[in-house]
Amino acid sequence: MKKESKVFGFEKLVVWQKSIDLADTIYEVTKSFPRKESHILLPQLLRSSNSIPANIAEGSFRRSKKEFIQFLYIAKGSLGETITYLELALRQRYMDKLFMKI
C-alpha cells in the first residue's frame, strides 16, 4: 500500500493496513499454487483473506461502535479461515513455512 495521504478513516487503522498487506502477500504466494487448486483452495483462501480488510472498512462506516465491533469479530473469523487455509497449503507443500510468520 502506498504511504500517501489517507482518504478514509479506516485506512489509518494499523489492523486494516496489516490485513491489506496480508491479502496482497497471499495474492503473490498463491500465484505458484498448482492449477488443480484453482476451484478449491485458492478461491477460498483469496475470499477469506480479502474479507478481513473489507469487514474492517465496512464496520468503520457503521453508525455505532457496537456495530463496528461486530464487523471486527467477523474480520477475526475470516482471519481464522485464512489461517486454516494457509495451514492446508503449507501441509500440501504449496508454500514455504517462512510465509506463516507474517
PDB file of N, CA and C in Angstrom:
ATOM      1  N   MET A   1       0.843  -1.179   0.000  1.00  0.00           N
ATOM      2  CA  MET A   1       0.000   0.000   0.000  1.00  0.00           C
ATOM      3  C   MET A   1       0.880   1.231   0.000  1.00  0.00           C
ATOM      4  N   LYS A   2       0.495   2.226  -0.772  1.00  0.00           N
ATOM      5  CA  LYS A   2       1.239   3.474  -0.824  1.00  0.00           C
ATOM      6  C   LYS A   2       1.083   4.225   0.482  1.00  0.00           C
ATOM      7  N   LYS A   3       2.117   4.916   0.878  1.00  0.00           N
ATOM      8  CA  LYS A   3       2.111   5.663   2.136  1.00  0.00           C
ATOM      9  C   LYS A   3       1.701   7.121   1.909  1.00  0.00           C
ATOM     10  N   GLU A   4       0.785   7.335   0.982  1.00  0.00           N
ATOM     11  CA  GLU A   4       0.298   8.682   0.692  1.00  0.00           C
ATOM     12  C   GLU A   4      -0.801   9.056   1.667  1.00  0.00           C
ATOM     13  N   SER A   5      -1.408  10.209   1.450  1.00  0.00           N
ATOM     14  CA  SER A   5      -2.461  10.665   2.355  1.00  0.00           C
ATOM     15  C   SER A   5      -3.631   9.689   2.348  1.00  0.00           C
ATOM     16  N   LYS A   6      -4.249   9.544   3.497  1.00  0.00           N
ATOM     17  CA  LYS A   6      -5.372   8.629   3.662  1.00  0.00           C
ATOM     18  C   LYS A   6      -6.670   9.393   3.425  1.00  0.00           C
ATOM     19  N   VAL A   7      -7.582   8.758   2.708  1.00  0.00           N
ATOM     20  CA  VAL A   7      -8.860   9.387   2.392  1.00  0.00           C
ATOM     21  C   VAL A   7      -9.922   9.002   3.405  1.00  0.00           C
ATOM     22  N   PHE A   8      -9.930   7.744   3.802  1.00  0.00           N
ATOM     23  CA  PHE A   8     -10.931   7.236   4.730  1.00  0.00           C
ATOM     24  C   PHE A   8     -10.288   6.941   6.079  1.00  0.00           C
ATOM     25  N   GLY A   9     -11.066   7.069   7.137  1.00  0.00           N
ATOM     26  CA  GLY A   9     -10.557   6.849   8.482  1.00  0.00           C
ATOM     27  C   GLY A   9      -9.994   5.465   8.706  1.00  0.00           C
ATOM     28  N   PHE A  10     -10.624   4.443   8.124  1.00  0.00           N
ATOM     29  CA  PHE A  10     -10.155   3.073   8.352  1.00  0.00           C
ATOM     30  C   PHE A  10      -8.760   2.856   7.788  1.00  0.00           C
ATOM     31  N   GLU A  11      -8.364   3.638   6.801  1.00  0.00           N
ATOM     32  CA  GLU A  11      -7.037   3.487   6.208  1.00  0.00           C
ATOM     33  C   GLU A  11      -5.923   3.837   7.190  1.00  0.00           C
ATOM     34  N   LYS A  12      -6.270   4.550   8.230  1.00  0.00           N
ATOM     35  CA  LYS A  12      -5.292   4.905   9.262  1.00  0.00           C
ATOM     36  C   LYS A  12      -5.148   3.810  10.312  1.00  0.00           C
ATOM     37  N   LEU A  13      -6.056   2.854  10.322  1.00  0.00           N
ATOM     38  CA  LEU A  13      -6.017   1.770  11.294  1.00  0.00           C
ATOM     39  C   LEU A  13      -4.909   0.780  10.938  1.00  0.00           C
ATOM     40  N   VAL A  14      -4.011   0.541  11.875  1.00  0.00           N
ATOM     41  CA  VAL A  14      -2.905  -0.386  11.643  1.00  0.00           C
ATOM     42  C   VAL A  14      -3.434  -1.780  11.304  1.00  0.00           C
ATOM     43  N   VAL A  15      -4.493  -2.198  11.961  1.00  0.00           N
ATOM     44  CA  VAL A  15      -5.061  -3.528  11.708  1.00  0.00           C
ATOM     45  C   VAL A  15      -5.551  -3.638  10.262  1.00  0.00           C
ATOM     46  N   TRP A  16      -6.119  -2.580   9.728  1.00  0.00           N
ATOM     47  CA  TRP A  16      -6.561  -2.585   8.329  1.00  0.00           C
ATOM     48  C   TRP A  16      -5.351  -2.635   7.401  1.00  0.00           C
ATOM     49  N   GLN A  17      -4.332  -1.827   7.690  1.00  0.00           N
ATOM     50  CA  GLN A  17      -3.119  -1.795   6.863  1.00  0.00           C
ATOM     51  C   GLN A  17      -2.450  -3.169   6.822  1.00  0.00           C
ATOM     52  N   LYS A  18      -2.347  -3.811   7.983  1.00  0.00           N
ATOM     53  CA  LYS A  18      -1.717  -5.128   8.046  1.00  0.00           C
ATOM     54  C   LYS A  18      -2.556  -6.184   7.326  1.00  0.00           C
ATOM     55  N   SER A  19      -3.876  -6.055   7.421  1.00  0.00           N
ATOM     56  CA  SER A  19      -4.730  -7.039   6.742  1.00  0.00           C
ATOM     57  C   SER A  19      -4.666  -6.872   5.227  1.00  0.00           C
ATOM     58  N   ILE A  20      -4.517  -5.644   4.754  1.00  0.00           N
ATOM     59  CA  ILE A  20      -4.331  -5.396   3.312  1.00  0.00           C
ATOM     60  C   ILE A  20      -2.997  -6.001   2.868  1.00  0.00           C
ATOM     61  N   ASP A  21      -1.967  -5.797   3.681  1.00  0.00           N
ATOM     62  CA  ASP A  21      -0.657  -6.378   3.359  1.00  0.00           C
ATOM     63  C   ASP A  21      -0.731  -7.902   3.303  1.00  0.00           C
ATOM     64  N   LEU A  22      -1.447  -8.502   4.253  1.00  0.00           N
ATOM     65  CA  LEU A  22      -1.607  -9.954   4.260  1.00  0.00           C
ATOM     66  C   LEU A  22      -2.302 -10.429   2.981  1.00  0.00           C
ATOM     67  N   ALA A  23      -3.410  -9.790   2.627  1.00  0.00           N
ATOM     68  CA  ALA A  23      -4.142 -10.180   1.419  1.00  0.00           C
ATOM     69  C   ALA A  23      -3.263 -10.026   0.180  1.00  0.00           C
ATOM     70  N   ASP A  24      -2.511  -8.940   0.122  1.00  0.00           N
ATOM     71  CA  ASP A  24      -1.617  -8.694  -1.009  1.00  0.00           C
ATOM     72  C   ASP A  24      -0.550  -9.786  -1.095  1.00  0.00           C
ATOM     73  N   THR A  25       0.013 -10.169   0.039  1.00  0.00           N
ATOM     74  CA  THR A  25       1.024 -11.225   0.079  1.00  0.00           C
ATOM     75  C   THR A  25       0.424 -12.562  -0.348  1.00  0.00           C
ATOM     76  N   ILE A  26      -0.795 -12.824   0.071  1.00  0.00           N
ATOM     77  CA  ILE A  26      -1.456 -14.078  -0.316  1.00  0.00           C
ATOM     78  C   ILE A  26      -1.664 -14.132  -1.825  1.00  0.00           C
ATOM     79  N   TYR A  27      -2.012 -13.019  -2.439  1.00  0.00           N
ATOM     80  CA  TYR A  27      -2.122 -12.996  -3.898  1.00  0.00           C
ATOM     81  C   TYR A  27      -0.793 -13.394  -4.544  1.00  0.00           C
ATOM     82  N   GLU A  28       0.302 -12.861  -4.016  1.00  0.00           N
ATOM     83  CA  GLU A  28       1.618 -13.181  -4.568  1.00  0.00           C
ATOM     84  C   GLU A  28       1.969 -14.656  -4.381  1.00  0.00           C
ATOM     85  N   VAL A  29       1.784 -15.159  -3.176  1.00  0.00           N
ATOM     86  CA  VAL A  29       2.147 -16.542  -2.861  1.00  0.00           C
ATOM     87  C   VAL A  29       1.312 -17.539  -3.656  1.00  0.00           C
ATOM     88  N   THR A  30       0.044 -17.249  -3.827  1.00  0.00           N
ATOM     89  CA  THR A  30      -0.841 -18.217  -4.488  1.00  0.00           C
ATOM     90  C   THR A  30      -0.634 -18.292  -6.000  1.00  0.00           C
ATOM     91  N   LYS A  31       0.144 -17.402  -6.559  1.00  0.00           N
ATOM     92  CA  LYS A  31       0.441 -17.478  -7.996  1.00  0.00           C
ATOM     93  C   LYS A  31       1.152 -18.781  -8.343  1.00  0.00           C
ATOM     94  N   SER A  32       1.840 -19.350  -7.373  1.00  0.00           N
ATOM     95  CA  SER A  32       2.585 -20.592  -7.624  1.00  0.00           C
ATOM     96  C   SER A  32       1.811 -21.847  -7.218  1.00  0.00           C
ATOM     97  N   PHE A  33       0.570 -21.702  -6.763  1.00  0.00           N
ATOM     98  CA  PHE A  33      -0.232 -22.870  -6.387  1.00  0.00           C
ATOM     99  C   PHE A  33      -0.525 -23.709  -7.627  1.00  0.00           C
ATOM    100  N   PRO A  34      -0.654 -25.019  -7.453  1.00  0.00           N
ATOM    101  CA  PRO A  34      -0.964 -25.869  -8.606  1.00  0.00           C
ATOM    102  C   PRO A  34      -2.339 -25.539  -9.200  1.00  0.00           C
ATOM    103  N   ARG A  35      -2.434 -25.767 -10.461  1.00  0.00           N
ATOM    104  CA  ARG A  35      -3.664 -25.454 -11.198  1.00  0.00           C
ATOM    105  C   ARG A  35      -4.883 -26.206 -10.639  1.00  0.00           C
ATOM    106  N   LYS A  36      -4.659 -27.389 -10.096  1.00  0.00           N
ATOM    107  CA  LYS A  36      -5.771 -28.192  -9.574  1.00  0.00           C
ATOM    108  C   LYS A  36      -6.482 -27.502  -8.411  1.00  0.00           C
ATOM    109  N   GLU A  37      -5.832 -26.520  -7.773  1.00  0.00           N
ATOM    110  CA  GLU A  37      -6.437 -25.799  -6.650  1.00  0.00           C
ATOM    111  C   GLU A  37      -7.224 -24.564  -7.084  1.00  0.00           C
ATOM    112  N   SER A  38      -7.315 -24.319  -8.377  1.00  0.00           N
ATOM    113  CA  SER A  38      -7.990 -23.109  -8.859  1.00  0.00           C
ATOM    114  C   SER A  38      -9.491 -23.096  -8.576  1.00  0.00           C
ATOM    115  N   HIS A  39     -10.068 -24.237  -8.235  1.00  0.00           N
ATOM    116  CA  HIS A  39     -11.500 -24.299  -7.926  1.00  0.00           C
ATOM    117  C   HIS A  39     -11.778 -24.701  -6.481  1.00  0.00           C
ATOM    118  N   ILE A  40     -10.728 -24.987  -5.723  1.00  0.00           N
ATOM    119  CA  ILE A  40     -10.942 -25.482  -4.363  1.00  0.00           C
ATOM    120  C   ILE A  40     -10.298 -24.538  -3.350  1.00  0.00           C
ATOM    121  N   LEU A  41      -9.036 -24.742  -3.064  1.00  0.00           N
ATOM    122  CA  LEU A  41      -8.355 -23.997  -2.001  1.00  0.00           C
ATOM    123  C   LEU A  41      -8.130 -22.523  -2.357  1.00  0.00           C
ATOM    124  N   LEU A  42      -7.699 -22.274  -3.559  1.00  0.00           N
ATOM    125  CA  LEU A  42      -7.355 -20.909  -3.968  1.00  0.00           C
ATOM    126  C   LEU A  42      -8.493 -19.906  -3.812  1.00  0.00           C
ATOM    127  N   PRO A  43      -9.688 -20.165  -4.336  1.00  0.00           N
ATOM    128  CA  PRO A  43     -10.762 -19.183  -4.165  1.00  0.00           C
ATOM    129  C   PRO A  43     -11.148 -18.963  -2.701  1.00  0.00           C
ATOM    130  N   GLN A  44     -11.130 -20.038  -1.921  1.00  0.00           N
ATOM    131  CA  GLN A  44     -11.476 -19.921  -0.504  1.00  0.00           C
ATOM    132  C   GLN A  44     -10.452 -19.051   0.226  1.00  0.00           C
ATOM    133  N   LEU A  45      -9.187 -19.283  -0.058  1.00  0.00           N
ATOM    134  CA  LEU A  45      -8.114 -18.526   0.579  1.00  0.00           C
ATOM    135  C   LEU A  45      -8.172 -17.050   0.188  1.00  0.00           C
ATOM    136  N   LEU A  46      -8.363 -16.784  -1.078  1.00  0.00           N
ATOM    137  CA  LEU A  46      -8.450 -15.384  -1.526  1.00  0.00           C
ATOM    138  C   LEU A  46      -9.687 -14.692  -0.956  1.00  0.00           C
ATOM    139  N   ARG A  47     -10.793 -15.390  -0.937  1.00  0.00           N
ATOM    140  CA  ARG A  47     -12.033 -14.812  -0.416  1.00  0.00           C
ATOM    141  C   ARG A  47     -11.900 -14.483   1.069  1.00  0.00           C
ATOM    142  N   SER A  48     -11.372 -15.411   1.843  1.00  0.00           N
ATOM    143  CA  SER A  48     -11.268 -15.173   3.283  1.00  0.00           C
ATOM    144  C   SER A  48     -10.259 -14.074   3.598  1.00  0.00           C
ATOM    145  N   SER A  49      -9.147 -14.039   2.869  1.00  0.00           N
ATOM    146  CA  SER A  49      -8.143 -13.002   3.142  1.00  0.00           C
ATOM    147  C   SER A  49      -8.637 -11.621   2.707  1.00  0.00           C
ATOM    148  N   ASN A  50      -9.412 -11.554   1.653  1.00  0.00           N
ATOM    149  CA  ASN A  50      -9.996 -10.272   1.231  1.00  0.00           C
ATOM    150  C   ASN A  50     -11.077  -9.801   2.190  1.00  0.00           C
ATOM    151  N   SER A  51     -11.731 -10.734   2.825  1.00  0.00           N
ATOM    152  CA  SER A  51     -12.815 -10.412   3.741  1.00  0.00           C
ATOM    153  C   SER A  51     -12.331  -9.678   4.994  1.00  0.00           C
ATOM    154  N   ILE A  52     -11.101  -9.918   5.385  1.00  0.00           N
ATOM    155  CA  ILE A  52     -10.578  -9.305   6.610  1.00  0.00           C
ATOM    156  C   ILE A  52     -10.564  -7.782   6.499  1.00  0.00           C
ATOM    157  N   PRO A  53      -9.820  -7.187   5.549  1.00  0.00           N
ATOM    158  CA  PRO A  53      -9.818  -5.729   5.464  1.00  0.00           C
ATOM    159  C   PRO A  53     -11.168  -5.156   5.039  1.00  0.00           C
ATOM    160  N   ALA A  54     -11.915  -5.914   4.237  1.00  0.00           N
ATOM    161  CA  ALA A  54     -13.223  -5.429   3.781  1.00  0.00           C
ATOM    162  C   ALA A  54     -14.181  -5.250   4.954  1.00  0.00           C
ATOM    163  N   ASN A  55     -14.180  -6.199   5.888  1.00  0.00           N
ATOM    164  CA  ASN A  55     -15.068  -6.078   7.048  1.00  0.00           C
ATOM    165  C   ASN A  55     -14.620  -4.980   8.003  1.00  0.00           C
ATOM    166  N   ILE A  56     -13.326  -4.785   8.132  1.00  0.00           N
ATOM    167  CA  ILE A  56     -12.831  -3.681   8.958  1.00  0.00           C
ATOM    168  C   ILE A  56     -13.286  -2.358   8.359  1.00  0.00           C
ATOM    169  N   ALA A  57     -13.141  -2.217   7.056  1.00  0.00           N
ATOM    170  CA  ALA A  57     -13.554  -0.988   6.379  1.00  0.00           C
ATOM    171  C   ALA A  57     -15.066  -0.783   6.477  1.00  0.00           C
ATOM    172  N   GLU A  58     -15.827  -1.827   6.201  1.00  0.00           N
ATOM    173  CA  GLU A  58     -17.284  -1.707   6.261  1.00  0.00           C
ATOM    174  C   GLU A  58     -17.753  -1.351   7.666  1.00  0.00           C
ATOM    175  N   GLY A  59     -17.185  -2.000   8.650  1.00  0.00           N
ATOM    176  CA  GLY A  59     -17.572  -1.721  10.035  1.00  0.00           C
ATOM    177  C   GLY A  59     -17.285  -0.292  10.447  1.00  0.00           C
ATOM    178  N   SER A  60     -16.213   0.275   9.899  1.00  0.00           N
ATOM    179  CA  SER A  60     -15.865   1.652  10.264  1.00  0.00           C
ATOM    180  C   SER A  60     -16.897   2.659   9.767  1.00  0.00           C
ATOM    181  N   PHE A  61     -17.682   2.277   8.783  1.00  0.00           N
ATOM    182  CA  PHE A  61     -18.722   3.159   8.260  1.00  0.00           C
ATOM    183  C   PHE A  61     -20.067   2.998   8.967  1.00  0.00           C
ATOM    184  N   ARG A  62     -20.157   2.064   9.876  1.00  0.00           N
ATOM    185  CA  ARG A  62     -21.411   1.843  10.592  1.00  0.00           C
ATOM    186  C   ARG A  62     -21.674   2.951  11.593  1.00  0.00           C
ATOM    187  N   ARG A  63     -22.887   3.045  12.024  1.00  0.00           N
ATOM    188  CA  ARG A  63     -23.314   4.153  12.874  1.00  0.00           C
ATOM    189  C   ARG A  63     -22.824   4.086  14.311  1.00  0.00           C
ATOM    190  N   SER A  64     -22.662   2.907  14.824  1.00  0.00           N
ATOM    191  CA  SER A  64     -22.317   2.801  16.240  1.00  0.00           C
ATOM    192  C   SER A  64     -21.031   2.003  16.438  1.00  0.00           C
ATOM    193  N   LYS A  65     -20.430   2.224  17.580  1.00  0.00           N
ATOM    194  CA  LYS A  65     -19.232   1.490  17.965  1.00  0.00           C
ATOM    195  C   LYS A  65     -19.548  -0.004  18.085  1.00  0.00           C
ATOM    196  N   LYS A  66     -20.745  -0.314  18.578  1.00  0.00           N
ATOM    197  CA  LYS A  66     -21.168  -1.704  18.735  1.00  0.00           C
ATOM    198  C   LYS A  66     -21.186  -2.422  17.380  1.00  0.00           C
ATOM    199  N   GLU A  67     -21.711  -1.750  16.348  1.00  0.00           N
ATOM    200  CA  GLU A  67     -21.739  -2.342  15.012  1.00  0.00           C
ATOM    201  C   GLU A  67     -20.322  -2.535  14.478  1.00  0.00           C
ATOM    202  N   PHE A  68     -19.468  -1.540  14.705  1.00  0.00           N
ATOM    203  CA  PHE A  68     -18.086  -1.638  14.269  1.00  0.00           C
ATOM    204  C   PHE A  68     -17.415  -2.851  14.911  1.00  0.00           C
ATOM    205  N   ILE A  69     -17.613  -3.019  16.184  1.00  0.00           N
ATOM    206  CA  ILE A  69     -17.033  -4.155  16.900  1.00  0.00           C
ATOM    207  C   ILE A  69     -17.529  -5.479  16.314  1.00  0.00           C
ATOM    208  N   GLN A  70     -18.806  -5.542  15.961  1.00  0.00           N
ATOM    209  CA  GLN A  70     -19.350  -6.764  15.353  1.00  0.00           C
ATOM    210  C   GLN A  70     -18.621  -7.090  14.046  1.00  0.00           C
ATOM    211  N   PHE A  71     -18.336  -6.063  13.243  1.00  0.00           N
ATOM    212  CA  PHE A  71     -17.612  -6.297  11.992  1.00  0.00           C
ATOM    213  C   PHE A  71     -16.156  -6.697  12.254  1.00  0.00           C
ATOM    214  N   LEU A  72     -15.586  -6.203  13.339  1.00  0.00           N
ATOM    215  CA  LEU A  72     -14.239  -6.639  13.710  1.00  0.00           C
ATOM    216  C   LEU A  72     -14.242  -8.125  14.069  1.00  0.00           C
ATOM    217  N   TYR A  73     -15.296  -8.576  14.740  1.00  0.00           N
ATOM    218  CA  TYR A  73     -15.416 -10.013  15.043  1.00  0.00           C
ATOM    219  C   TYR A  73     -15.565 -10.840  13.761  1.00  0.00           C
ATOM    220  N   ILE A  74     -16.296 -10.309  12.803  1.00  0.00           N
ATOM    221  CA  ILE A  74     -16.429 -11.009  11.516  1.00  0.00           C
ATOM    222  C   ILE A  74     -15.070 -11.092  10.831  1.00  0.00           C
ATOM    223  N   ALA A  75     -14.317  -9.985  10.861  1.00  0.00           N
ATOM    224  CA  ALA A  75     -12.968  -9.969  10.284  1.00  0.00           C
ATOM    225  C   ALA A  75     -12.075 -10.989  10.992  1.00  0.00           C
ATOM    226  N   LYS A  76     -12.221 -11.076  12.302  1.00  0.00           N
ATOM    227  CA  LYS A  76     -11.442 -12.040  13.079  1.00  0.00           C
ATOM    228  C   LYS A  76     -11.781 -13.475  12.656  1.00  0.00           C
ATOM    229  N   GLY A  77     -13.047 -13.737  12.403  1.00  0.00           N
ATOM    230  CA  GLY A  77     -13.460 -15.048  11.911  1.00  0.00           C
ATOM    231  C   GLY A  77     -12.845 -15.352  10.556  1.00  0.00           C
ATOM    232  N   SER A  78     -12.811 -14.356   9.684  1.00  0.00           N
ATOM    233  CA  SER A  78     -12.181 -14.535   8.371  1.00  0.00           C
ATOM    234  C   SER A  78     -10.694 -14.785   8.507  1.00  0.00           C
ATOM    235  N   LEU A  79     -10.071 -14.166   9.502  1.00  0.00           N
ATOM    236  CA  LEU A  79      -8.661 -14.422   9.758  1.00  0.00           C
ATOM    237  C   LEU A  79      -8.461 -15.883  10.159  1.00  0.00           C
ATOM    238  N   GLY A  80      -9.348 -16.398  10.981  1.00  0.00           N
ATOM    239  CA  GLY A  80      -9.274 -17.813  11.358  1.00  0.00           C
ATOM    240  C   GLY A  80      -9.383 -18.725  10.151  1.00  0.00           C
ATOM    241  N   GLU A  81     -10.298 -18.400   9.250  1.00  0.00           N
ATOM    242  CA  GLU A  81     -10.422 -19.169   8.000  1.00  0.00           C
ATOM    243  C   GLU A  81      -9.138 -19.105   7.198  1.00  0.00           C
ATOM    244  N   THR A  82      -8.596 -17.901   7.064  1.00  0.00           N
ATOM    245  CA  THR A  82      -7.380 -17.699   6.278  1.00  0.00           C
ATOM    246  C   THR A  82      -6.224 -18.501   6.848  1.00  0.00           C
ATOM    247  N   ILE A  83      -6.069 -18.466   8.156  1.00  0.00           N
ATOM    248  CA  ILE A  83      -5.000 -19.232   8.802  1.00  0.00           C
ATOM    249  C   ILE A  83      -5.169 -20.726   8.525  1.00  0.00           C
ATOM    250  N   THR A  84      -6.398 -21.202   8.575  1.00  0.00           N
ATOM    251  CA  THR A  84      -6.671 -22.614   8.304  1.00  0.00           C
ATOM    252  C   THR A  84      -6.299 -22.983   6.875  1.00  0.00           C
ATOM    253  N   TYR A  85      -6.692 -22.155   5.904  1.00  0.00           N
ATOM    254  CA  TYR A  85      -6.362 -22.433   4.506  1.00  0.00           C
ATOM    255  C   TYR A  85      -4.856 -22.359   4.263  1.00  0.00           C
ATOM    256  N   LEU A  86      -4.186 -21.435   4.951  1.00  0.00           N
ATOM    257  CA  LEU A  86      -2.729 -21.357   4.829  1.00  0.00           C
ATOM    258  C   LEU A  86      -2.061 -22.604   5.402  1.00  0.00           C
ATOM    259  N   GLU A  87      -2.599 -23.100   6.505  1.00  0.00           N
ATOM    260  CA  GLU A  87      -2.067 -24.338   7.087  1.00  0.00           C
ATOM    261  C   GLU A  87      -2.246 -25.508   6.120  1.00  0.00           C
ATOM    262  N   LEU A  88      -3.400 -25.577   5.475  1.00  0.00           N
ATOM    263  CA  LEU A  88      -3.624 -26.639   4.488  1.00  0.00           C
ATOM    264  C   LEU A  88      -2.643 -26.518   3.322  1.00  0.00           C
ATOM    265  N   ALA A  89      -2.431 -25.291   2.850  1.00  0.00           N
ATOM    266  CA  ALA A  89      -1.484 -25.065   1.751  1.00  0.00           C
ATOM    267  C   ALA A  89      -0.068 -25.440   2.176  1.00  0.00           C
ATOM    268  N   LEU A  90       0.272 -25.142   3.406  1.00  0.00           N
ATOM    269  CA  LEU A  90       1.583 -25.494   3.935  1.00  0.00           C
ATOM    270  C   LEU A  90       1.744 -27.014   3.988  1.00  0.00           C
ATOM    271  N   ARG A  91       0.729 -27.702   4.481  1.00  0.00           N
ATOM    272  CA  ARG A  91       0.791 -29.165   4.578  1.00  0.00           C
ATOM    273  C   ARG A  91       0.856 -29.836   3.213  1.00  0.00           C
ATOM    274  N   GLN A  92       0.280 -29.190   2.211  1.00  0.00           N
ATOM    275  CA  GLN A  92       0.341 -29.720   0.848  1.00  0.00           C
ATOM    276  C   GLN A  92       1.628 -29.299   0.131  1.00  0.00           C
ATOM    277  N   ARG A  93       2.446 -28.546   0.835  1.00  0.00           N
ATOM    278  CA  ARG A  93       3.726 -28.030   0.316  1.00  0.00           C
ATOM    279  C   ARG A  93       3.543 -27.107  -0.879  1.00  0.00           C
ATOM    280  N   TYR A  94       2.466 -26.332  -0.850  1.00  0.00           N
ATOM    281  CA  TYR A  94       2.242 -25.342  -1.900  1.00  0.00           C
ATOM    282  C   TYR A  94       2.991 -24.049  -1.611  1.00  0.00           C
ATOM    283  N   MET A  95       3.488 -23.905  -0.384  1.00  0.00           N
ATOM    284  CA  MET A  95       4.177 -22.685   0.011  1.00  0.00           C
ATOM    285  C   MET A  95       5.223 -22.995   1.061  1.00  0.00           C
ATOM    286  N   ASP A  96       6.094 -22.024   1.292  1.00  0.00           N
ATOM    287  CA  ASP A  96       7.181 -22.158   2.253  1.00  0.00           C
ATOM    288  C   ASP A  96       6.698 -21.776   3.649  1.00  0.00           C
ATOM    289  N   LYS A  97       7.188 -22.458   4.649  1.00  0.00           N
ATOM    290  CA  LYS A  97       6.789 -22.192   6.034  1.00  0.00           C
ATOM    291  C   LYS A  97       7.134 -20.775   6.464  1.00  0.00           C
ATOM    292  N   LEU A  98       8.130 -20.157   5.889  1.00  0.00           N
ATOM    293  CA  LEU A  98       8.521 -18.799   6.255  1.00  0.00           C
ATOM    294  C   LEU A  98       7.360 -17.823   6.090  1.00  0.00           C
ATOM    295  N   PHE A  99       6.497 -18.061   5.136  1.00  0.00           N
ATOM    296  CA  PHE A  99       5.354 -17.184   4.890  1.00  0.00           C
ATOM    297  C   PHE A  99       4.452 -17.113   6.109  1.00  0.00           C
ATOM    298  N   MET A 100       4.364 -18.200   6.864  1.00  0.00           N
ATOM    299  CA  MET A 100       3.458 -18.267   8.011  1.00  0.00           C
ATOM    300  C   MET A 100       3.853 -17.292   9.124  1.00  0.00           C
ATOM    301  N   LYS A 101       5.019 -16.671   9.055  1.00  0.00           N
ATOM    302  CA  LYS A 101       5.469 -15.740  10.093  1.00  0.00           C
ATOM    303  C   LYS A 101       4.895 -14.345   9.921  1.00  0.00           C
ATOM    304  N   ILE A 102       4.140 -14.101   8.886  1.00  0.00           N
ATOM    305  CA  ILE A 102       3.572 -12.764   8.637  1.00  0.00           C
ATOM    306  C   ILE A 102       2.653 -12.355   9.755  1.00  0.00           C
TER     307      ILE A 102
END
